[in-house]
Amino acid sequence: MMDGMMAGMGLWALLAVVTVLAMLVLAVLGSVWLVRQLRRPERGSPPTGDTARDLLRRRYAAGELDDDEYERRLSALNRH
């Protein structure tokens, strides 16, 4: 009878360890997600640290500007 009770206690201890580990993993994943959400820039605003040249290059690459417009704006930026 004692052996059956000890085996049952071992299973409960294993279940407790697995539960604690699962909660720790969820806490770490939740913390990572929260930090990423707080660091993400608002939608529609340019990412922080981008210069005017970076934004101009990005718009040109996306096809929003043609060659002439890109060169004209880049020239204006280089003068300032």
Protein backbone atom coordinates (compact mmCIF):
# COMPACT_ATOMS: atom_id res chain seq x y z
CA MET A 1 0.00 0.00 0.00
CA MET A 2 2.85 2.32 0.78
CA ASP A 3 4.44 1.79 -2.68
CA GLY A 4 1.22 2.81 -4.47
CA MET A 5 0.95 5.95 -2.37
CA MET A 6 4.58 6.89 -3.06
CA ALA A 7 4.10 6.40 -6.80
CA GLY A 8 1.01 8.63 -6.69
CA MET A 9 2.94 11.32 -4.85
CA GLY A 10 5.71 11.10 -7.48
CA LEU A 11 3.20 11.70 -10.26
CA TRP A 12 1.79 14.73 -8.45
CA ALA A 13 5.29 16.12 -7.94
CA LEU A 14 6.06 15.64 -11.65
CA LEU A 15 2.79 17.34 -12.58
CA ALA A 16 3.64 20.26 -10.28
CA VAL A 17 7.10 20.69 -11.86
CA VAL A 18 5.66 20.58 -15.39
CA THR A 19 3.00 23.13 -14.42
CA VAL A 20 5.56 25.53 -12.94
CA LEU A 21 7.79 25.21 -16.01
CA ALA A 22 4.84 25.87 -18.32
CA MET A 23 3.93 28.99 -16.35
CA LEU A 24 7.54 30.24 -16.56
CA VAL A 25 7.61 29.70 -20.33
CA LEU A 26 4.31 31.56 -20.71
CA ALA A 27 5.61 34.43 -18.57
CA VAL A 28 8.77 34.77 -20.68
CA LEU A 29 6.85 34.60 -23.96
CA GLY A 30 4.33 37.14 -22.67
CA SER A 31 7.12 39.49 -21.60
CA VAL A 32 8.82 39.26 -25.00
CA TRP A 33 5.52 39.94 -26.77
CA LEU A 34 4.80 42.94 -24.53
CA VAL A 35 8.23 44.49 -25.08
CA ARG A 36 7.87 44.07 -28.85
CA GLN A 37 4.43 45.70 -28.80
CA LEU A 38 5.70 48.66 -26.77
CA ARG A 39 8.71 49.20 -29.05
CA ARG A 40 6.70 49.02 -32.29
CA PRO A 41 6.06 52.42 -33.86
CA GLU A 42 2.52 53.65 -34.37
CA ARG A 43 0.90 52.68 -37.67
CA GLY A 44 1.28 55.34 -40.32
CA SER A 45 4.24 57.06 -38.70
CA PRO A 46 7.74 56.57 -40.06
CA PRO A 47 10.04 54.39 -38.00
CA THR A 48 12.15 56.38 -35.58
CA GLY A 49 15.68 57.21 -36.63
CA ASP A 50 14.92 57.33 -40.37
CA THR A 51 16.41 60.24 -42.21
CA ALA A 52 14.71 62.06 -45.05
CA ARG A 53 17.03 60.25 -47.48
CA ASP A 54 15.98 56.86 -46.06
CA LEU A 55 12.32 57.73 -46.50
CA LEU A 56 12.96 59.01 -50.03
CA ARG A 57 14.79 55.80 -50.96
CA ARG A 58 11.98 53.71 -49.49
CA ARG A 59 9.32 55.63 -51.45
CA TYR A 60 11.36 55.30 -54.65
CA ALA A 61 11.80 51.56 -54.09
CA ALA A 62 8.06 51.17 -53.50
CA GLY A 63 7.36 52.86 -56.85
CA GLU A 64 5.73 55.94 -55.37
CA LEU A 65 8.24 58.23 -57.15
CA ASP A 66 9.52 58.11 -60.71
CA ASP A 67 13.20 58.61 -61.60
CA ASP A 68 12.92 62.35 -62.26
CA GLU A 69 11.02 63.06 -59.03
CA TYR A 70 13.48 60.99 -57.01
CA GLU A 71 16.49 62.80 -58.50
CA ARG A 72 14.86 66.22 -57.97
CA ARG A 73 14.08 65.53 -54.32
CA LEU A 74 17.46 63.93 -53.66
CA SER A 75 19.16 66.98 -55.17
CA ALA A 76 17.10 69.24 -52.91
CA LEU A 77 18.10 67.19 -49.87
CA ASN A 78 21.77 67.32 -50.79
CA ARG A 79 21.67 71.13 -50.96
CA HIS A 80 20.50 71.43 -47.35
